PDB file of N, CA and C in Angstrom:
ATOM      1  N   UNK A   1      22.555-105.216-130.774  1.00  0.00           N
ATOM      2  CA  UNK A   1      23.801-105.940-130.900  1.00  0.00           C
ATOM      3  C   UNK A   1      24.647-105.813-129.630  1.00  0.00           C
ATOM      4  N   UNK A   2      24.737-104.587-129.109  1.00  0.00           N
ATOM      5  CA  UNK A   2      25.544-104.337-127.913  1.00  0.00           C
ATOM      6  C   UNK A   2      24.771-104.645-126.627  1.00  0.00           C
ATOM      7  N   UNK A   3      23.456-104.521-126.654  1.00  0.00           N
ATOM      8  CA  UNK A   3      22.631-104.696-125.442  1.00  0.00           C
ATOM      9  C   UNK A   3      22.864-106.041-124.748  1.00  0.00           C
ATOM     10  N   UNK A   4      22.899-107.183-125.466  1.00  0.00           N
ATOM     11  CA  UNK A   4      23.126-108.453-124.772  1.00  0.00           C
ATOM     12  C   UNK A   4      24.505-108.503-124.094  1.00  0.00           C
ATOM     13  N   UNK A   5      25.465-107.893-124.724  1.00  0.00           N
ATOM     14  CA  UNK A   5      26.837-107.867-124.126  1.00  0.00           C
ATOM     15  C   UNK A   5      26.812-107.033-122.845  1.00  0.00           C
ATOM     16  N   UNK A   6      26.150-105.887-122.887  1.00  0.00           N
ATOM     17  CA  UNK A   6      26.047-105.055-121.687  1.00  0.00           C
ATOM     18  C   UNK A   6      25.315-105.774-120.564  1.00  0.00           C
ATOM     19  N   UNK A   7      24.302-106.542-120.899  1.00  0.00           N
ATOM     20  CA  UNK A   7      23.583-107.328-119.869  1.00  0.00           C
ATOM     21  C   UNK A   7      24.511-108.348-119.243  1.00  0.00           C
ATOM     22  N   UNK A   8      25.335-109.021-120.060  1.00  0.00           N
ATOM     23  CA  UNK A   8      26.292-109.970-119.529  1.00  0.00           C
ATOM     24  C   UNK A   8      27.290-109.287-118.613  1.00  0.00           C
ATOM     25  N   UNK A   9      27.786-108.133-119.038  1.00  0.00           N
ATOM     26  CA  UNK A   9      28.756-107.396-118.238  1.00  0.00           C
ATOM     27  C   UNK A   9      28.170-106.911-116.914  1.00  0.00           C
ATOM     28  N   UNK A  10      26.894-106.497-116.937  1.00  0.00           N
ATOM     29  CA  UNK A  10      26.218-106.081-115.726  1.00  0.00           C
ATOM     30  C   UNK A  10      26.180-107.222-114.714  1.00  0.00           C
ATOM     31  N   UNK A  11      25.930-108.430-115.185  1.00  0.00           N
ATOM     32  CA  UNK A  11      25.915-109.584-114.280  1.00  0.00           C
ATOM     33  C   UNK A  11      27.328-109.897-113.798  1.00  0.00           C
ATOM     34  N   UNK A  12      28.298-109.853-114.689  1.00  0.00           N
ATOM     35  CA  UNK A  12      29.691-110.180-114.324  1.00  0.00           C
ATOM     36  C   UNK A  12      30.263-109.218-113.278  1.00  0.00           C
ATOM     37  N   UNK A  13      30.004-107.930-113.459  1.00  0.00           N
ATOM     38  CA  UNK A  13      30.598-106.928-112.555  1.00  0.00           C
ATOM     39  C   UNK A  13      29.740-106.663-111.339  1.00  0.00           C
ATOM     40  N   UNK A  14      28.494-107.070-111.343  1.00  0.00           N
ATOM     41  CA  UNK A  14      27.629-106.918-110.181  1.00  0.00           C
ATOM     42  C   UNK A  14      27.599-105.511-109.630  1.00  0.00           C
ATOM     43  N   UNK A  15      27.921-105.384-108.342  1.00  0.00           N
ATOM     44  CA  UNK A  15      27.836-104.083-107.649  1.00  0.00           C
ATOM     45  C   UNK A  15      29.038-103.178-107.924  1.00  0.00           C
ATOM     46  N   UNK A  16      29.992-103.635-108.711  1.00  0.00           N
ATOM     47  CA  UNK A  16      31.186-102.824-108.985  1.00  0.00           C
ATOM     48  C   UNK A  16      30.891-101.642-109.911  1.00  0.00           C
ATOM     49  N   UNK A  17      29.850-101.792-110.752  1.00  0.00           N
ATOM     50  CA  UNK A  17      29.454-100.709-111.627  1.00  0.00           C
ATOM     51  C   UNK A  17      28.021-100.841-112.010  1.00  0.00           C
ATOM     52  N   UNK A  18      27.450 -99.737-112.511  1.00  0.00           N
ATOM     53  CA  UNK A  18      26.052 -99.714-112.955  1.00  0.00           C
ATOM     54  C   UNK A  18      26.005 -99.409-114.439  1.00  0.00           C
ATOM     55  N   UNK A  19      25.232-100.199-115.139  1.00  0.00           N
ATOM     56  CA  UNK A  19      25.059 -99.991-116.592  1.00  0.00           C
ATOM     57  C   UNK A  19      23.629 -99.563-116.835  1.00  0.00           C
ATOM     58  N   UNK A  20      23.482 -98.413-117.517  1.00  0.00           N
ATOM     59  CA  UNK A  20      22.188 -97.909-117.879  1.00  0.00           C
ATOM     60  C   UNK A  20      22.021 -97.948-119.395  1.00  0.00           C
ATOM     61  N   UNK A  21      20.822 -98.227-119.850  1.00  0.00           N
ATOM     62  CA  UNK A  21      20.489 -98.141-121.257  1.00  0.00           C
ATOM     63  C   UNK A  21      19.462 -97.036-121.417  1.00  0.00           C
ATOM     64  N   UNK A  22      19.763 -96.072-122.318  1.00  0.00           N
ATOM     65  CA  UNK A  22      18.904 -94.928-122.481  1.00  0.00           C
ATOM     66  C   UNK A  22      18.377 -94.905-123.919  1.00  0.00           C
ATOM     67  N   UNK A  23      17.085 -94.768-124.051  1.00  0.00           N
ATOM     68  CA  UNK A  23      16.449 -94.623-125.368  1.00  0.00           C
ATOM     69  C   UNK A  23      16.584 -93.156-125.758  1.00  0.00           C
ATOM     70  N   UNK A  24      17.484 -92.857-126.671  1.00  0.00           N
ATOM     71  CA  UNK A  24      17.769 -91.458-127.049  1.00  0.00           C
ATOM     72  C   UNK A  24      16.630 -90.800-127.795  1.00  0.00           C
ATOM     73  N   UNK A  25      15.735 -91.588-128.362  1.00  0.00           N
ATOM     74  CA  UNK A  25      14.560 -90.986-129.013  1.00  0.00           C
ATOM     75  C   UNK A  25      13.601 -90.444-127.960  1.00  0.00           C
ATOM     76  N   UNK A  26      13.490 -91.133-126.849  1.00  0.00           N
ATOM     77  CA  UNK A  26      12.617 -90.684-125.774  1.00  0.00           C
ATOM     78  C   UNK A  26      13.314 -89.667-124.879  1.00  0.00           C
ATOM     79  N   UNK A  27      14.620 -89.748-124.771  1.00  0.00           N
ATOM     80  CA  UNK A  27      15.405 -88.850-123.899  1.00  0.00           C
ATOM     81  C   UNK A  27      16.301 -87.964-124.749  1.00  0.00           C
ATOM     82  N   UNK A  28      15.718 -87.175-125.629  1.00  0.00           N
ATOM     83  CA  UNK A  28      16.463 -86.344-126.536  1.00  0.00           C
ATOM     84  C   UNK A  28      17.281 -85.259-125.825  1.00  0.00           C
ATOM     85  N   UNK A  29      16.750 -84.727-124.752  1.00  0.00           N
ATOM     86  CA  UNK A  29      17.491 -83.696-124.014  1.00  0.00           C
ATOM     87  C   UNK A  29      18.751 -84.288-123.380  1.00  0.00           C
ATOM     88  N   UNK A  30      18.639 -85.465-122.792  1.00  0.00           N
ATOM     89  CA  UNK A  30      19.798 -86.137-122.200  1.00  0.00           C
ATOM     90  C   UNK A  30      20.835 -86.458-123.280  1.00  0.00           C
ATOM     91  N   UNK A  31      20.389 -86.967-124.407  1.00  0.00           N
ATOM     92  CA  UNK A  31      21.307 -87.255-125.527  1.00  0.00           C
ATOM     93  C   UNK A  31      22.015 -85.981-125.960  1.00  0.00           C
ATOM     94  N   UNK A  32      21.312 -84.897-125.992  1.00  0.00           N
ATOM     95  CA  UNK A  32      21.893 -83.615-126.405  1.00  0.00           C
ATOM     96  C   UNK A  32      22.940 -83.133-125.395  1.00  0.00           C
ATOM     97  N   UNK A  33      22.663 -83.266-124.124  1.00  0.00           N
ATOM     98  CA  UNK A  33      23.600 -82.859-123.070  1.00  0.00           C
ATOM     99  C   UNK A  33      24.927 -83.598-123.229  1.00  0.00           C
ATOM    100  N   UNK A  34      24.863 -84.874-123.561  1.00  0.00           N
ATOM    101  CA  UNK A  34      26.089 -85.669-123.678  1.00  0.00           C
ATOM    102  C   UNK A  34      26.645 -85.711-125.088  1.00  0.00           C
ATOM    103  N   UNK A  35      25.988 -85.022-126.010  1.00  0.00           N
ATOM    104  CA  UNK A  35      26.490 -84.930-127.375  1.00  0.00           C
ATOM    105  C   UNK A  35      26.408 -86.228-128.156  1.00  0.00           C
ATOM    106  N   UNK A  36      25.416 -87.015-127.852  1.00  0.00           N
ATOM    107  CA  UNK A  36      25.217 -88.309-128.533  1.00  0.00           C
ATOM    108  C   UNK A  36      24.547 -88.071-129.862  1.00  0.00           C
ATOM    109  N   UNK A  37      25.269 -88.443-130.932  1.00  0.00           N
ATOM    110  CA  UNK A  37      24.726 -88.229-132.287  1.00  0.00           C
ATOM    111  C   UNK A  37      24.550 -89.525-133.077  1.00  0.00           C
ATOM    112  N   UNK A  38      25.174 -90.590-132.611  1.00  0.00           N
ATOM    113  CA  UNK A  38      25.017 -91.863-133.329  1.00  0.00           C
ATOM    114  C   UNK A  38      24.840 -92.971-132.301  1.00  0.00           C
ATOM    115  N   UNK A  39      24.242 -94.022-132.779  1.00  0.00           N
ATOM    116  CA  UNK A  39      23.922 -95.163-131.931  1.00  0.00           C
ATOM    117  C   UNK A  39      24.680 -96.386-132.487  1.00  0.00           C
ATOM    118  N   UNK A  40      25.292 -97.202-131.673  1.00  0.00           N
ATOM    119  CA  UNK A  40      25.407 -97.066-130.233  1.00  0.00           C
ATOM    120  C   UNK A  40      26.502 -96.099-129.850  1.00  0.00           C
ATOM    121  N   UNK A  41      26.284 -95.420-128.737  1.00  0.00           N
ATOM    122  CA  UNK A  41      27.287 -94.578-128.074  1.00  0.00           C
ATOM    123  C   UNK A  41      27.342 -95.072-126.634  1.00  0.00           C
ATOM    124  N   UNK A  42      28.530 -95.239-126.141  1.00  0.00           N
ATOM    125  CA  UNK A  42      28.701 -95.709-124.758  1.00  0.00           C
ATOM    126  C   UNK A  42      29.488 -94.633-124.007  1.00  0.00           C
ATOM    127  N   UNK A  43      28.903 -94.155-122.934  1.00  0.00           N
ATOM    128  CA  UNK A  43      29.512 -93.145-122.112  1.00  0.00           C
ATOM    129  C   UNK A  43      29.985 -93.808-120.819  1.00  0.00           C
ATOM    130  N   UNK A  44      31.272 -93.737-120.601  1.00  0.00           N
ATOM    131  CA  UNK A  44      31.898 -94.262-119.374  1.00  0.00           C
ATOM    132  C   UNK A  44      32.040 -93.102-118.414  1.00  0.00           C
ATOM    133  N   UNK A  45      31.442 -93.168-117.235  1.00  0.00           N
ATOM    134  CA  UNK A  45      31.496 -92.073-116.276  1.00  0.00           C
ATOM    135  C   UNK A  45      32.111 -92.593-114.996  1.00  0.00           C
ATOM    136  N   UNK A  46      33.408 -92.349-114.806  1.00  0.00           N
ATOM    137  CA  UNK A  46      34.058 -92.807-113.578  1.00  0.00           C
ATOM    138  C   UNK A  46      33.683 -91.953-112.386  1.00  0.00           C
ATOM    139  N   UNK A  47      33.813 -92.477-111.197  1.00  0.00           N
ATOM    140  CA  UNK A  47      33.541 -91.729-109.987  1.00  0.00           C
ATOM    141  C   UNK A  47      34.474 -90.534-109.896  1.00  0.00           C
ATOM    142  N   UNK A  48      35.718 -90.733-110.272  1.00  0.00           N
ATOM    143  CA  UNK A  48      36.715 -89.690-110.285  1.00  0.00           C
ATOM    144  C   UNK A  48      37.292 -89.614-111.692  1.00  0.00           C
ATOM    145  N   UNK A  49      37.444 -88.436-112.233  1.00  0.00           N
ATOM    146  CA  UNK A  49      37.975 -88.332-113.563  1.00  0.00           C
ATOM    147  C   UNK A  49      36.918 -87.898-114.557  1.00  0.00           C
ATOM    148  N   UNK A  50      37.369 -87.783-115.797  1.00  0.00           N
ATOM    149  CA  UNK A  50      36.514 -87.273-116.864  1.00  0.00           C
ATOM    150  C   UNK A  50      35.725 -88.423-117.549  1.00  0.00           C
ATOM    151  N   UNK A  51      34.475 -88.147-117.880  1.00  0.00           N
ATOM    152  CA  UNK A  51      33.726 -89.140-118.686  1.00  0.00           C
ATOM    153  C   UNK A  51      34.381 -89.312-120.050  1.00  0.00           C
ATOM    154  N   UNK A  52      34.258 -90.508-120.592  1.00  0.00           N
ATOM    155  CA  UNK A  52      34.811 -90.811-121.904  1.00  0.00           C
ATOM    156  C   UNK A  52      33.730 -91.489-122.745  1.00  0.00           C
ATOM    157  N   UNK A  53      33.689 -91.122-124.028  1.00  0.00           N
ATOM    158  CA  UNK A  53      32.665 -91.634-124.938  1.00  0.00           C
ATOM    159  C   UNK A  53      33.288 -92.607-125.929  1.00  0.00           C
ATOM    160  N   UNK A  54      32.594 -93.695-126.180  1.00  0.00           N
ATOM    161  CA  UNK A  54      32.957 -94.622-127.245  1.00  0.00           C
ATOM    162  C   UNK A  54      31.761 -94.691-128.194  1.00  0.00           C
ATOM    163  N   UNK A  55      32.038 -94.461-129.476  1.00  0.00           N
ATOM    164  CA  UNK A  55      30.984 -94.445-130.492  1.00  0.00           C
ATOM    165  C   UNK A  55      31.134 -95.686-131.378  1.00  0.00           C
ATOM    166  N   UNK A  56      30.027 -96.368-131.608  1.00  0.00           N
ATOM    167  CA  UNK A  56      30.061 -97.562-132.443  1.00  0.00           C
ATOM    168  C   UNK A  56      30.029 -98.827-131.604  1.00  0.00           C
ATOM    169  N   UNK A  57      29.734 -99.906-132.248  1.00  0.00           N
ATOM    170  CA  UNK A  57      29.669-101.220-131.575  1.00  0.00           C
ATOM    171  C   UNK A  57      31.050-101.621-131.093  1.00  0.00           C
ATOM    172  N   UNK A  58      31.086-102.206-129.897  1.00  0.00           N
ATOM    173  CA  UNK A  58      32.336-102.691-129.339  1.00  0.00           C
ATOM    174  C   UNK A  58      32.151-104.172-128.955  1.00  0.00           C
ATOM    175  N   UNK A  59      33.216-104.940-129.057  1.00  0.00           N
ATOM    176  CA  UNK A  59      33.164-106.331-128.668  1.00  0.00           C
ATOM    177  C   UNK A  59      33.189-106.387-127.149  1.00  0.00           C
ATOM    178  N   UNK A  60      32.844-107.551-126.612  1.00  0.00           N
ATOM    179  CA  UNK A  60      32.860-107.713-125.178  1.00  0.00           C
ATOM    180  C   UNK A  60      34.280-107.550-124.634  1.00  0.00           C
ATOM    181  N   UNK A  61      35.253-108.019-125.360  1.00  0.00           N
ATOM    182  CA  UNK A  61      36.670-107.873-124.936  1.00  0.00           C
ATOM    183  C   UNK A  61      37.024-106.390-124.851  1.00  0.00           C
ATOM    184  N   UNK A  62      36.648-105.638-125.868  1.00  0.00           N
ATOM    185  CA  UNK A  62      36.969-104.201-125.873  1.00  0.00           C
ATOM    186  C   UNK A  62      36.214-103.441-124.769  1.00  0.00           C
ATOM    187  N   UNK A  63      34.977-103.811-124.549  1.00  0.00           N
ATOM    188  CA  UNK A  63      34.223-103.190-123.463  1.00  0.00           C
ATOM    189  C   UNK A  63      34.844-103.470-122.100  1.00  0.00           C
ATOM    190  N   UNK A  64      35.270-104.719-121.903  1.00  0.00           N
ATOM    191  CA  UNK A  64      35.921-105.069-120.634  1.00  0.00           C
ATOM    192  C   UNK A  64      37.224-104.279-120.451  1.00  0.00           C
ATOM    193  N   UNK A  65      37.979-104.138-121.518  1.00  0.00           N
ATOM    194  CA  UNK A  65      39.217-103.327-121.447  1.00  0.00           C
ATOM    195  C   UNK A  65      38.912-101.881-121.048  1.00  0.00           C
ATOM    196  N   UNK A  66      37.904-101.306-121.693  1.00  0.00           N
ATOM    197  CA  UNK A  66      37.524 -99.922-121.371  1.00  0.00           C
ATOM    198  C   UNK A  66      37.041 -99.805-119.947  1.00  0.00           C
ATOM    199  N   UNK A  67      36.262-100.765-119.485  1.00  0.00           N
ATOM    200  CA  UNK A  67      35.774-100.726-118.095  1.00  0.00           C
ATOM    201  C   UNK A  67      36.944-100.772-117.140  1.00  0.00           C
ATOM    202  N   UNK A  68      37.890-101.662-117.374  1.00  0.00           N
ATOM    203  CA  UNK A  68      39.069-101.781-116.500  1.00  0.00           C
ATOM    204  C   UNK A  68      39.901-100.512-116.512  1.00  0.00           C
ATOM    205  N   UNK A  69      40.078 -99.908-117.694  1.00  0.00           N
ATOM    206  CA  UNK A  69      40.931 -98.721-117.780  1.00  0.00           C
ATOM    207  C   UNK A  69      40.256 -97.462-117.260  1.00  0.00           C
ATOM    208  N   UNK A  70      38.983 -97.284-117.565  1.00  0.00           N
ATOM    209  CA  UNK A  70      38.323 -96.023-117.235  1.00  0.00           C
ATOM    210  C   UNK A  70      37.563 -96.083-115.896  1.00  0.00           C
ATOM    211  N   UNK A  71      36.850 -97.173-115.671  1.00  0.00           N
ATOM    212  CA  UNK A  71      35.961 -97.242-114.511  1.00  0.00           C
ATOM    213  C   UNK A  71      36.563 -97.943-113.307  1.00  0.00           C
ATOM    214  N   UNK A  72      37.341 -98.955-113.555  1.00  0.00           N
ATOM    215  CA  UNK A  72      37.863 -99.769-112.425  1.00  0.00           C
ATOM    216  C   UNK A  72      39.388 -99.920-112.501  1.00  0.00           C
ATOM    217  N   UNK A  73      40.116 -98.802-112.604  1.00  0.00           N
ATOM    218  CA  UNK A  73      41.566 -98.949-112.681  1.00  0.00           C
ATOM    219  C   UNK A  73      42.098 -99.481-111.350  1.00  0.00           C
ATOM    220  N   UNK A  74      43.173-100.211-111.441  1.00  0.00           N
ATOM    221  CA  UNK A  74      43.720-100.794-110.214  1.00  0.00           C
ATOM    222  C   UNK A  74      44.734 -99.881-109.547  1.00  0.00           C
TER     223      UNK A  74
END
């Protein structure tokens, strides 16, 4: 449900940010490190500042807001 939105956002933002999709069943250690317990979980990791986690499905509008606030503040 969220994957197509993330693909659209990856195209829209281009080189401004990188979006990764991780299969937590295959990458259980990575999921454990970040404390991922439910799917979908979205981890926003800014170049400067603290990572922030969003748990649950988000709309494209909400994802764009989060990207602007956490990853690409003006």
